Amino acid sequence: MKQLLLLEELAMFLFSIFLFKSLPFSWWVYPALILLPDISMIGYLINEKAGAICYNFVHHKAVAIALMMIGYYLLNDYFLLAGIILFGHSSLDRVLGYGLKYFAGFQFTHLGVIGKNKAE
């Protein structure tokens, strides 16, 4: 089942690239922006709870879809771009094993424990 979910996330990441191709931006914009959502980790400078809230908000796919819907409704390519980048980034993170965070700390995700504290 884990491999099936991994393939599903990979398909969503590739779909974000497909959606990006319909926008009027140069090809380099996608790779230039794809890691930008990780700036949400800055919340961890405050504390674990603030960090998890910031990170989870930016990495929640419903937020990405909402931005895409707003962009579609308003015919605004920048909202579409923001939604596509968030969607693609969140999917790529999940392919790499980085899930939504629990308040216990960055390494505790809905996909399991990550990092050096991971129980093998």
N, C-alpha and C. Protein backbone atom coordinates (compact mmCIF):
# COMPACT_ATOMS: atom_id res chain seq x y z
N MET A 1 0.82 -1.20 0.00
CA MET A 1 0.00 0.00 0.00
C MET A 1 0.86 1.26 0.00
N LYS A 2 1.99 1.21 0.74
CA LYS A 2 2.87 2.37 0.81
C LYS A 2 3.39 2.76 -0.57
N GLN A 3 3.75 1.77 -1.38
CA GLN A 3 4.25 2.04 -2.74
C GLN A 3 3.16 2.64 -3.63
N LEU A 4 1.94 2.18 -3.44
CA LEU A 4 0.82 2.71 -4.22
C LEU A 4 0.58 4.19 -3.89
N LEU A 5 0.65 4.53 -2.61
CA LEU A 5 0.48 5.92 -2.21
C LEU A 5 1.65 6.78 -2.70
N LEU A 6 2.83 6.21 -2.71
CA LEU A 6 4.00 6.91 -3.23
C LEU A 6 3.83 7.22 -4.72
N LEU A 7 3.34 6.25 -5.47
CA LEU A 7 3.09 6.46 -6.90
C LEU A 7 2.00 7.51 -7.13
N GLU A 8 1.00 7.51 -6.26
CA GLU A 8 -0.07 8.50 -6.37
C GLU A 8 0.48 9.91 -6.17
N GLU A 9 1.33 10.08 -5.17
CA GLU A 9 1.95 11.38 -4.92
C GLU A 9 2.87 11.80 -6.08
N LEU A 10 3.60 10.84 -6.62
CA LEU A 10 4.46 11.13 -7.77
C LEU A 10 3.62 11.57 -8.97
N ALA A 11 2.49 10.92 -9.17
CA ALA A 11 1.59 11.31 -10.27
C ALA A 11 1.07 12.73 -10.06
N MET A 12 0.76 13.09 -8.82
CA MET A 12 0.29 14.46 -8.55
C MET A 12 1.39 15.48 -8.78
N PHE A 13 2.62 15.12 -8.43
CA PHE A 13 3.75 16.02 -8.70
C PHE A 13 3.89 16.24 -10.21
N LEU A 14 3.85 15.16 -10.98
CA LEU A 14 3.95 15.27 -12.44
C LEU A 14 2.77 16.05 -13.01
N PHE A 15 1.60 15.88 -12.41
CA PHE A 15 0.42 16.63 -12.85
C PHE A 15 0.62 18.12 -12.62
N SER A 16 1.29 18.50 -11.54
CA SER A 16 1.54 19.92 -11.31
C SER A 16 2.44 20.50 -12.41
N ILE A 17 3.39 19.71 -12.88
CA ILE A 17 4.24 20.16 -14.00
C ILE A 17 3.40 20.32 -15.26
N PHE A 18 2.50 19.37 -15.49
CA PHE A 18 1.58 19.45 -16.63
C PHE A 18 0.73 20.71 -16.55
N LEU A 19 0.19 21.01 -15.36
CA LEU A 19 -0.63 22.21 -15.19
C LEU A 19 0.20 23.47 -15.40
N PHE A 20 1.44 23.45 -14.90
CA PHE A 20 2.31 24.61 -15.05
C PHE A 20 2.55 24.94 -16.52
N LYS A 21 2.65 23.91 -17.34
CA LYS A 21 2.92 24.13 -18.77
C LYS A 21 1.83 24.96 -19.44
N SER A 22 0.64 25.02 -18.87
CA SER A 22 -0.46 25.79 -19.47
C SER A 22 -0.38 27.27 -19.10
N LEU A 23 0.53 27.62 -18.20
CA LEU A 23 0.66 29.01 -17.77
C LEU A 23 1.67 29.75 -18.65
N PRO A 24 1.57 31.07 -18.70
CA PRO A 24 2.45 31.85 -19.59
C PRO A 24 3.80 32.22 -18.96
N PHE A 25 4.36 31.32 -18.15
CA PHE A 25 5.64 31.60 -17.51
C PHE A 25 6.74 30.77 -18.17
N SER A 26 7.97 31.26 -18.10
CA SER A 26 9.11 30.52 -18.62
C SER A 26 9.31 29.23 -17.84
N TRP A 27 9.91 28.23 -18.48
CA TRP A 27 10.09 26.91 -17.87
C TRP A 27 10.88 26.97 -16.57
N TRP A 28 11.83 27.91 -16.45
CA TRP A 28 12.70 27.96 -15.29
C TRP A 28 11.99 28.44 -14.03
N VAL A 29 10.81 29.02 -14.18
CA VAL A 29 10.07 29.51 -13.02
C VAL A 29 9.67 28.36 -12.09
N TYR A 30 9.27 27.23 -12.67
CA TYR A 30 8.84 26.09 -11.85
C TYR A 30 9.99 25.59 -10.96
N PRO A 31 11.14 25.23 -11.52
CA PRO A 31 12.22 24.78 -10.63
C PRO A 31 12.72 25.87 -9.68
N ALA A 32 12.60 27.13 -10.10
CA ALA A 32 13.06 28.22 -9.24
C ALA A 32 12.16 28.39 -8.01
N LEU A 33 10.88 28.06 -8.15
CA LEU A 33 9.93 28.28 -7.06
C LEU A 33 9.55 27.02 -6.28
N ILE A 34 9.87 25.85 -6.78
CA ILE A 34 9.34 24.61 -6.21
C ILE A 34 9.75 24.41 -4.74
N LEU A 35 10.87 24.92 -4.30
CA LEU A 35 11.28 24.77 -2.91
C LEU A 35 10.88 25.95 -2.02
N LEU A 36 10.32 26.99 -2.62
CA LEU A 36 9.94 28.19 -1.86
C LEU A 36 8.97 27.91 -0.71
N PRO A 37 8.01 26.99 -0.83
CA PRO A 37 7.10 26.75 0.30
C PRO A 37 7.80 26.29 1.58
N ASP A 38 9.02 25.81 1.49
CA ASP A 38 9.73 25.38 2.69
C ASP A 38 10.12 26.55 3.59
N ILE A 39 9.95 27.78 3.11
CA ILE A 39 10.19 28.93 3.98
C ILE A 39 9.21 28.92 5.16
N SER A 40 8.13 28.15 5.04
CA SER A 40 7.17 28.04 6.14
C SER A 40 7.78 27.39 7.38
N MET A 41 8.92 26.75 7.24
CA MET A 41 9.60 26.16 8.40
C MET A 41 10.12 27.23 9.36
N ILE A 42 10.06 28.47 8.95
CA ILE A 42 10.54 29.56 9.81
C ILE A 42 9.74 29.62 11.11
N GLY A 43 8.52 29.09 11.08
CA GLY A 43 7.71 29.04 12.30
C GLY A 43 8.36 28.25 13.41
N TYR A 44 9.25 27.33 13.06
CA TYR A 44 9.95 26.54 14.07
C TYR A 44 10.92 27.39 14.88
N LEU A 45 11.23 28.60 14.43
CA LEU A 45 12.06 29.50 15.23
C LEU A 45 11.31 29.99 16.46
N ILE A 46 9.97 29.97 16.39
CA ILE A 46 9.15 30.37 17.54
C ILE A 46 9.04 29.20 18.51
N ASN A 47 8.45 28.12 18.06
CA ASN A 47 8.35 26.89 18.85
C ASN A 47 7.80 25.77 17.95
N GLU A 48 7.72 24.57 18.50
CA GLU A 48 7.28 23.40 17.71
C GLU A 48 5.85 23.54 17.21
N LYS A 49 4.97 24.06 18.05
CA LYS A 49 3.57 24.19 17.66
C LYS A 49 3.40 25.23 16.54
N ALA A 50 4.02 26.38 16.69
CA ALA A 50 3.94 27.42 15.66
C ALA A 50 4.54 26.91 14.35
N GLY A 51 5.65 26.19 14.47
CA GLY A 51 6.29 25.64 13.28
C GLY A 51 5.39 24.66 12.56
N ALA A 52 4.76 23.77 13.32
CA ALA A 52 3.87 22.77 12.71
C ALA A 52 2.67 23.44 12.05
N ILE A 53 2.12 24.45 12.71
CA ILE A 53 0.95 25.15 12.14
C ILE A 53 1.33 25.84 10.84
N CYS A 54 2.43 26.57 10.82
CA CYS A 54 2.88 27.26 9.60
C CYS A 54 3.17 26.26 8.48
N TYR A 55 3.94 25.23 8.83
CA TYR A 55 4.32 24.23 7.84
C TYR A 55 3.09 23.53 7.27
N ASN A 56 2.20 23.09 8.14
CA ASN A 56 1.03 22.33 7.70
C ASN A 56 0.08 23.18 6.86
N PHE A 57 -0.05 24.47 7.19
CA PHE A 57 -0.92 25.33 6.39
C PHE A 57 -0.40 25.44 4.96
N VAL A 58 0.89 25.70 4.83
CA VAL A 58 1.48 25.88 3.50
C VAL A 58 1.54 24.56 2.72
N HIS A 59 1.65 23.44 3.41
CA HIS A 59 1.79 22.14 2.75
C HIS A 59 0.48 21.37 2.65
N HIS A 60 -0.62 22.01 2.99
CA HIS A 60 -1.93 21.34 2.89
C HIS A 60 -2.44 21.50 1.46
N LYS A 61 -2.78 20.40 0.85
CA LYS A 61 -3.19 20.44 -0.56
C LYS A 61 -4.50 21.18 -0.78
N ALA A 62 -5.36 21.26 0.23
CA ALA A 62 -6.60 22.02 0.09
C ALA A 62 -6.31 23.51 -0.09
N VAL A 63 -5.27 24.01 0.56
CA VAL A 63 -4.86 25.41 0.38
C VAL A 63 -4.40 25.62 -1.06
N ALA A 64 -3.61 24.68 -1.56
CA ALA A 64 -3.13 24.77 -2.94
C ALA A 64 -4.29 24.75 -3.93
N ILE A 65 -5.23 23.85 -3.72
CA ILE A 65 -6.39 23.75 -4.61
C ILE A 65 -7.25 25.01 -4.53
N ALA A 66 -7.40 25.56 -3.33
CA ALA A 66 -8.17 26.80 -3.17
C ALA A 66 -7.53 27.94 -3.95
N LEU A 67 -6.20 28.04 -3.88
CA LEU A 67 -5.50 29.08 -4.65
C LEU A 67 -5.69 28.88 -6.15
N MET A 68 -5.63 27.63 -6.59
CA MET A 68 -5.85 27.36 -8.02
C MET A 68 -7.27 27.73 -8.43
N MET A 69 -8.25 27.44 -7.58
CA MET A 69 -9.64 27.78 -7.89
C MET A 69 -9.84 29.29 -7.95
N ILE A 70 -9.22 30.00 -7.01
CA ILE A 70 -9.31 31.47 -7.03
C ILE A 70 -8.68 32.01 -8.31
N GLY A 71 -7.52 31.48 -8.66
CA GLY A 71 -6.86 31.91 -9.88
C GLY A 71 -7.68 31.62 -11.12
N TYR A 72 -8.31 30.46 -11.15
CA TYR A 72 -9.16 30.10 -12.28
C TYR A 72 -10.37 31.03 -12.36
N TYR A 73 -11.01 31.27 -11.23
CA TYR A 73 -12.20 32.12 -11.19
C TYR A 73 -11.87 33.56 -11.58
N LEU A 74 -10.74 34.06 -11.06
CA LEU A 74 -10.35 35.45 -11.33
C LEU A 74 -9.54 35.61 -12.62
N LEU A 75 -9.28 34.52 -13.28
CA LEU A 75 -8.42 34.52 -14.48
C LEU A 75 -7.07 35.16 -14.16
N ASN A 76 -6.51 34.76 -13.01
CA ASN A 76 -5.26 35.32 -12.52
C ASN A 76 -4.18 34.24 -12.54
N ASP A 77 -3.22 34.39 -13.44
CA ASP A 77 -2.16 33.40 -13.58
C ASP A 77 -1.25 33.31 -12.36
N TYR A 78 -1.14 34.36 -11.58
CA TYR A 78 -0.27 34.33 -10.41
C TYR A 78 -0.87 33.49 -9.29
N PHE A 79 -2.17 33.57 -9.09
CA PHE A 79 -2.83 32.69 -8.12
C PHE A 79 -2.74 31.23 -8.59
N LEU A 80 -2.94 31.02 -9.88
CA LEU A 80 -2.79 29.67 -10.42
C LEU A 80 -1.37 29.15 -10.19
N LEU A 81 -0.40 29.98 -10.46
CA LEU A 81 0.99 29.60 -10.25
C LEU A 81 1.25 29.25 -8.79
N ALA A 82 0.78 30.08 -7.88
CA ALA A 82 0.99 29.81 -6.45
C ALA A 82 0.36 28.48 -6.06
N GLY A 83 -0.86 28.23 -6.50
CA GLY A 83 -1.52 26.98 -6.18
C GLY A 83 -0.82 25.77 -6.77
N ILE A 84 -0.37 25.89 -8.00
CA ILE A 84 0.32 24.78 -8.66
C ILE A 84 1.65 24.48 -7.97
N ILE A 85 2.37 25.53 -7.61
CA ILE A 85 3.64 25.34 -6.90
C ILE A 85 3.41 24.68 -5.55
N LEU A 86 2.42 25.15 -4.79
CA LEU A 86 2.14 24.54 -3.49
C LEU A 86 1.72 23.08 -3.64
N PHE A 87 0.88 22.81 -4.63
CA PHE A 87 0.42 21.45 -4.87
C PHE A 87 1.58 20.53 -5.26
N GLY A 88 2.40 20.99 -6.20
CA GLY A 88 3.55 20.19 -6.64
C GLY A 88 4.56 19.99 -5.53
N HIS A 89 4.81 21.04 -4.76
CA HIS A 89 5.78 20.93 -3.67
C HIS A 89 5.29 19.95 -2.60
N SER A 90 4.02 20.05 -2.24
CA SER A 90 3.47 19.15 -1.23
C SER A 90 3.53 17.70 -1.69
N SER A 91 3.24 17.48 -2.95
CA SER A 91 3.31 16.12 -3.50
C SER A 91 4.74 15.61 -3.49
N LEU A 92 5.68 16.44 -3.91
CA LEU A 92 7.08 16.04 -3.92
C LEU A 92 7.58 15.76 -2.50
N ASP A 93 7.18 16.59 -1.54
CA ASP A 93 7.56 16.34 -0.15
C ASP A 93 7.08 14.96 0.31
N ARG A 94 5.87 14.62 -0.05
CA ARG A 94 5.32 13.33 0.38
C ARG A 94 6.01 12.17 -0.33
N VAL A 95 6.43 12.37 -1.57
CA VAL A 95 7.21 11.34 -2.26
C VAL A 95 8.52 11.11 -1.50
N LEU A 96 9.10 12.18 -0.98
CA LEU A 96 10.37 12.09 -0.27
C LEU A 96 10.21 11.70 1.20
N GLY A 97 8.95 11.51 1.64
CA GLY A 97 8.70 11.05 3.00
C GLY A 97 8.42 12.13 4.02
N TYR A 98 8.32 13.39 3.58
CA TYR A 98 8.04 14.49 4.50
C TYR A 98 6.54 14.75 4.51
N GLY A 99 5.91 14.41 5.62
CA GLY A 99 4.47 14.59 5.73
C GLY A 99 4.12 15.81 6.55
N LEU A 100 2.83 15.97 6.80
CA LEU A 100 2.36 17.04 7.66
C LEU A 100 2.87 16.79 9.08
N LYS A 101 3.14 17.85 9.81
CA LYS A 101 3.85 17.75 11.08
C LYS A 101 2.90 17.70 12.28
N TYR A 102 3.32 16.92 13.29
CA TYR A 102 2.67 16.93 14.60
C TYR A 102 3.34 18.00 15.45
N PHE A 103 2.67 18.41 16.51
CA PHE A 103 3.23 19.44 17.40
C PHE A 103 4.45 18.94 18.17
N ALA A 104 4.69 17.65 18.20
CA ALA A 104 5.81 17.09 18.96
C ALA A 104 7.18 17.47 18.38
N GLY A 105 7.23 17.85 17.12
CA GLY A 105 8.49 18.24 16.51
C GLY A 105 8.51 17.97 15.02
N PHE A 106 9.47 18.57 14.34
CA PHE A 106 9.55 18.48 12.89
C PHE A 106 9.64 17.05 12.39
N GLN A 107 10.32 16.20 13.12
CA GLN A 107 10.54 14.83 12.65
C GLN A 107 9.32 13.93 12.80
N PHE A 108 8.28 14.39 13.48
CA PHE A 108 7.07 13.59 13.68
C PHE A 108 6.01 13.99 12.66
N THR A 109 5.81 13.13 11.65
CA THR A 109 4.90 13.45 10.54
C THR A 109 3.79 12.43 10.43
N HIS A 110 2.79 12.76 9.64
CA HIS A 110 1.69 11.81 9.44
C HIS A 110 2.12 10.60 8.63
N LEU A 111 3.31 10.65 8.04
CA LEU A 111 3.86 9.51 7.30
C LEU A 111 4.80 8.68 8.16
N GLY A 112 5.07 9.14 9.38
CA GLY A 112 5.98 8.43 10.26
C GLY A 112 7.09 9.36 10.73
N VAL A 113 8.01 8.83 11.48
CA VAL A 113 9.12 9.61 12.02
C VAL A 113 10.22 9.69 10.96
N ILE A 114 10.80 10.88 10.82
CA ILE A 114 11.86 11.09 9.85
C ILE A 114 13.12 11.55 10.59
N GLY A 115 14.25 11.47 9.94
CA GLY A 115 15.50 11.98 10.50
C GLY A 115 16.25 11.02 11.37
N LYS A 116 17.20 11.54 12.14
CA LYS A 116 18.10 10.70 12.92
C LYS A 116 17.42 10.00 14.09
N ASN A 117 16.27 10.49 14.54
CA ASN A 117 15.55 9.87 15.65
C ASN A 117 14.63 8.75 15.18
N LYS A 118 14.65 8.47 13.90
CA LYS A 118 13.77 7.44 13.33
C LYS A 118 14.15 6.06 13.88
N ALA A 119 13.15 5.36 14.37
CA ALA A 119 13.38 4.00 14.87
C ALA A 119 13.39 3.05 13.68
N GLU A 120 14.48 2.35 13.49
CA GLU A 120 14.62 1.45 12.34
C GLU A 120 13.98 0.12 12.62
